[in-house]
Amino acid sequence: MTTTPEHDKRIAEMTFAAVYPHYITKVEKKGRTIDELHQVIEWLTGFDAKKLQELIEQKVSFKTFFERATLNPNAHLIKGVICGYRIEEIETPLTKQVRYLDKLVDELAKGRKMEKILR
């Protein structure tokens, strides 16, 4: 399933700061913690809580967020459907990386064990 150029552009320009509160709400509503959310984000991107806060304050776009990230070498093991897209079929690298993050947050909220999330 391919994404449209408009879809990819919208994701690239979206700020991490705008989406982050939704991640918190999603995981806390399901009984998970902000520390667990940070652990998942750090596994994928290499950003610790302090660096995340800096990026939020700078209101960086997802494009900048992932340009600065050191993607986990096992990120390619993240598979499945998120937001109607099968991750392994997404061709645009940035869109795929954002969907990796969405999928990890989704798995955390669904109660999946941390060992399984952090492949």
C-alpha atoms as a PDB file:
ATOM      1  CA  MET A   1       0.000   0.000   0.000  1.00  0.00           C
ATOM      2  CA  THR A   2       1.553   3.262  -1.071  1.00  0.00           C
ATOM      3  CA  THR A   3       0.948   6.599   0.553  1.00  0.00           C
ATOM      4  CA  THR A   4       0.219   9.747  -1.422  1.00  0.00           C
ATOM      5  CA  PRO A   5       2.732  12.602  -1.707  1.00  0.00           C
ATOM      6  CA  GLU A   6       0.230  14.827   0.139  1.00  0.00           C
ATOM      7  CA  HIS A   7      -0.008  12.315   2.995  1.00  0.00           C
ATOM      8  CA  ASP A   8       3.785  12.068   3.236  1.00  0.00           C
ATOM      9  CA  LYS A   9       4.155  15.871   3.199  1.00  0.00           C
ATOM     10  CA  ARG A  10       1.558  16.294   5.947  1.00  0.00           C
ATOM     11  CA  ILE A  11       3.366  13.769   8.154  1.00  0.00           C
ATOM     12  CA  ALA A  12       6.771  15.351   7.497  1.00  0.00           C
ATOM     13  CA  GLU A  13       5.522  18.800   8.498  1.00  0.00           C
ATOM     14  CA  MET A  14       3.582  17.691  11.580  1.00  0.00           C
ATOM     15  CA  THR A  15       5.377  18.554  14.818  1.00  0.00           C
ATOM     16  CA  PHE A  16       6.319  15.911  17.327  1.00  0.00           C
ATOM     17  CA  ALA A  17       5.129  18.311  20.060  1.00  0.00           C
ATOM     18  CA  ALA A  18       1.602  18.234  18.595  1.00  0.00           C
ATOM     19  CA  VAL A  19       1.391  14.429  18.643  1.00  0.00           C
ATOM     20  CA  TYR A  20       3.277  13.662  21.875  1.00  0.00           C
ATOM     21  CA  PRO A  21       0.351  14.582  24.225  1.00  0.00           C
ATOM     22  CA  HIS A  22      -1.838  12.137  22.293  1.00  0.00           C
ATOM     23  CA  TYR A  23       0.732   9.393  22.847  1.00  0.00           C
ATOM     24  CA  ILE A  24       0.672  10.139  26.590  1.00  0.00           C
ATOM     25  CA  THR A  25      -3.122  10.116  26.733  1.00  0.00           C
ATOM     26  CA  LYS A  26      -3.311   6.863  24.783  1.00  0.00           C
ATOM     27  CA  VAL A  27      -0.879   4.937  26.977  1.00  0.00           C
ATOM     28  CA  GLU A  28      -2.056   6.358  30.314  1.00  0.00           C
ATOM     29  CA  LYS A  29      -5.696   5.624  29.475  1.00  0.00           C
ATOM     30  CA  LYS A  30      -4.669   1.976  29.165  1.00  0.00           C
ATOM     31  CA  GLY A  31      -2.712   1.910  32.440  1.00  0.00           C
ATOM     32  CA  ARG A  32       0.794   2.366  31.042  1.00  0.00           C
ATOM     33  CA  THR A  33       3.236   5.046  32.194  1.00  0.00           C
ATOM     34  CA  ILE A  34       5.067   7.979  30.637  1.00  0.00           C
ATOM     35  CA  ASP A  35       8.322   6.245  31.632  1.00  0.00           C
ATOM     36  CA  GLU A  36       7.297   3.228  29.544  1.00  0.00           C
ATOM     37  CA  LEU A  37       6.417   5.538  26.654  1.00  0.00           C
ATOM     38  CA  HIS A  38       9.845   7.176  26.932  1.00  0.00           C
ATOM     39  CA  GLN A  39      11.504   3.757  27.014  1.00  0.00           C
ATOM     40  CA  VAL A  40       9.782   2.815  23.753  1.00  0.00           C
ATOM     41  CA  ILE A  41      10.673   6.137  22.093  1.00  0.00           C
ATOM     42  CA  GLU A  42      14.286   5.867  23.259  1.00  0.00           C
ATOM     43  CA  TRP A  43      14.540   2.308  21.918  1.00  0.00           C
ATOM     44  CA  LEU A  44      13.385   3.464  18.474  1.00  0.00           C
ATOM     45  CA  THR A  45      15.136   6.851  18.232  1.00  0.00           C
ATOM     46  CA  GLY A  46      17.928   6.979  20.805  1.00  0.00           C
ATOM     47  CA  PHE A  47      16.355  10.082  22.414  1.00  0.00           C
ATOM     48  CA  ASP A  48      16.275  10.092  26.219  1.00  0.00           C
ATOM     49  CA  ALA A  49      13.633  12.044  28.174  1.00  0.00           C
ATOM     50  CA  LYS A  50      15.829  15.165  28.341  1.00  0.00           C
ATOM     51  CA  LYS A  51      16.420  15.208  24.579  1.00  0.00           C
ATOM     52  CA  LEU A  52      12.704  14.566  23.935  1.00  0.00           C
ATOM     53  CA  GLN A  53      11.838  17.603  26.033  1.00  0.00           C
ATOM     54  CA  GLU A  54      14.280  19.736  24.026  1.00  0.00           C
ATOM     55  CA  LEU A  55      12.728  18.564  20.751  1.00  0.00           C
ATOM     56  CA  ILE A  56       9.246  19.300  22.080  1.00  0.00           C
ATOM     57  CA  GLU A  57      10.282  22.809  23.154  1.00  0.00           C
ATOM     58  CA  GLN A  58      11.875  23.408  19.736  1.00  0.00           C
ATOM     59  CA  LYS A  59       8.620  22.244  18.088  1.00  0.00           C
ATOM     60  CA  VAL A  60      10.544  20.166  15.553  1.00  0.00           C
ATOM     61  CA  SER A  61       8.736  18.536  12.661  1.00  0.00           C
ATOM     62  CA  PHE A  62       8.705  14.760  12.331  1.00  0.00           C
ATOM     63  CA  LYS A  63      11.141  15.259   9.437  1.00  0.00           C
ATOM     64  CA  THR A  64      13.660  16.950  11.745  1.00  0.00           C
ATOM     65  CA  PHE A  65      12.839  14.557  14.605  1.00  0.00           C
ATOM     66  CA  PHE A  66      13.796  11.502  12.557  1.00  0.00           C
ATOM     67  CA  GLU A  67      16.748  13.236  10.857  1.00  0.00           C
ATOM     68  CA  ARG A  68      18.239  13.706  14.322  1.00  0.00           C
ATOM     69  CA  ALA A  69      17.323  10.207  15.520  1.00  0.00           C
ATOM     70  CA  THR A  70      19.544   7.150  15.488  1.00  0.00           C
ATOM     71  CA  LEU A  71      17.022   4.544  14.410  1.00  0.00           C
ATOM     72  CA  ASN A  72      17.286   1.222  16.191  1.00  0.00           C
ATOM     73  CA  PRO A  73      18.799  -1.423  13.873  1.00  0.00           C
ATOM     74  CA  ASN A  74      15.867  -3.725  14.708  1.00  0.00           C
ATOM     75  CA  ALA A  75      13.221  -1.169  13.679  1.00  0.00           C
ATOM     76  CA  HIS A  76      12.666  -3.111  10.449  1.00  0.00           C
ATOM     77  CA  LEU A  77      11.185  -5.891  12.608  1.00  0.00           C
ATOM     78  CA  ILE A  78       8.180  -3.666  13.401  1.00  0.00           C
ATOM     79  CA  LYS A  79       5.390  -5.010  11.240  1.00  0.00           C
ATOM     80  CA  GLY A  80       1.634  -4.867  11.057  1.00  0.00           C
ATOM     81  CA  VAL A  81      -1.113  -2.412  10.228  1.00  0.00           C
ATOM     82  CA  ILE A  82      -1.358   1.054  11.727  1.00  0.00           C
ATOM     83  CA  CYS A  83      -3.728   3.811  10.588  1.00  0.00           C
ATOM     84  CA  GLY A  84      -4.832   1.621   7.685  1.00  0.00           C
ATOM     85  CA  TYR A  85      -1.320   1.103   6.311  1.00  0.00           C
ATOM     86  CA  ARG A  86       0.755  -2.067   6.419  1.00  0.00           C
ATOM     87  CA  ILE A  87       4.077  -0.771   7.736  1.00  0.00           C
ATOM     88  CA  GLU A  88       6.298  -3.107   5.740  1.00  0.00           C
ATOM     89  CA  GLU A  89       4.672  -1.890   2.500  1.00  0.00           C
ATOM     90  CA  ILE A  90       5.174   1.852   3.117  1.00  0.00           C
ATOM     91  CA  GLU A  91       7.754   3.103   0.616  1.00  0.00           C
ATOM     92  CA  THR A  92       8.502   6.600   1.953  1.00  0.00           C
ATOM     93  CA  PRO A  93      11.217   6.227   4.639  1.00  0.00           C
ATOM     94  CA  LEU A  94      10.003   9.081   6.871  1.00  0.00           C
ATOM     95  CA  THR A  95       6.382   7.957   6.766  1.00  0.00           C
ATOM     96  CA  LYS A  96       7.527   4.429   7.606  1.00  0.00           C
ATOM     97  CA  GLN A  97       9.545   5.724  10.602  1.00  0.00           C
ATOM     98  CA  VAL A  98       6.587   7.724  11.943  1.00  0.00           C
ATOM     99  CA  ARG A  99       4.383   4.650  11.582  1.00  0.00           C
ATOM    100  CA  TYR A 100       7.018   2.596  13.443  1.00  0.00           C
ATOM    101  CA  LEU A 101       6.604   4.998  16.355  1.00  0.00           C
ATOM    102  CA  ASP A 102       2.810   4.903  16.099  1.00  0.00           C
ATOM    103  CA  LYS A 103       2.866   1.099  16.101  1.00  0.00           C
ATOM    104  CA  LEU A 104       5.113   0.912  19.181  1.00  0.00           C
ATOM    105  CA  VAL A 105       2.860   3.336  21.078  1.00  0.00           C
ATOM    106  CA  ASP A 106      -0.162   1.294  19.990  1.00  0.00           C
ATOM    107  CA  GLU A 107       1.423  -1.956  21.191  1.00  0.00           C
ATOM    108  CA  LEU A 108       2.282  -0.332  24.530  1.00  0.00           C
ATOM    109  CA  ALA A 109      -1.290   0.915  24.944  1.00  0.00           C
ATOM    110  CA  LYS A 110      -2.661  -2.520  24.084  1.00  0.00           C
ATOM    111  CA  GLY A 111      -0.745  -4.036  26.981  1.00  0.00           C
ATOM    112  CA  ARG A 112       1.908  -5.889  25.028  1.00  0.00           C
ATOM    113  CA  LYS A 113       4.908  -6.904  27.123  1.00  0.00           C
ATOM    114  CA  MET A 114       7.887  -4.559  26.911  1.00  0.00           C
ATOM    115  CA  GLU A 115      10.213  -7.406  25.848  1.00  0.00           C
ATOM    116  CA  LYS A 116       7.998  -8.004  22.808  1.00  0.00           C
ATOM    117  CA  ILE A 117       7.708  -4.301  21.955  1.00  0.00           C
ATOM    118  CA  LEU A 118      11.470  -3.763  22.141  1.00  0.00           C
ATOM    119  CA  ARG A 119      12.277  -6.373  19.542  1.00  0.00           C
END
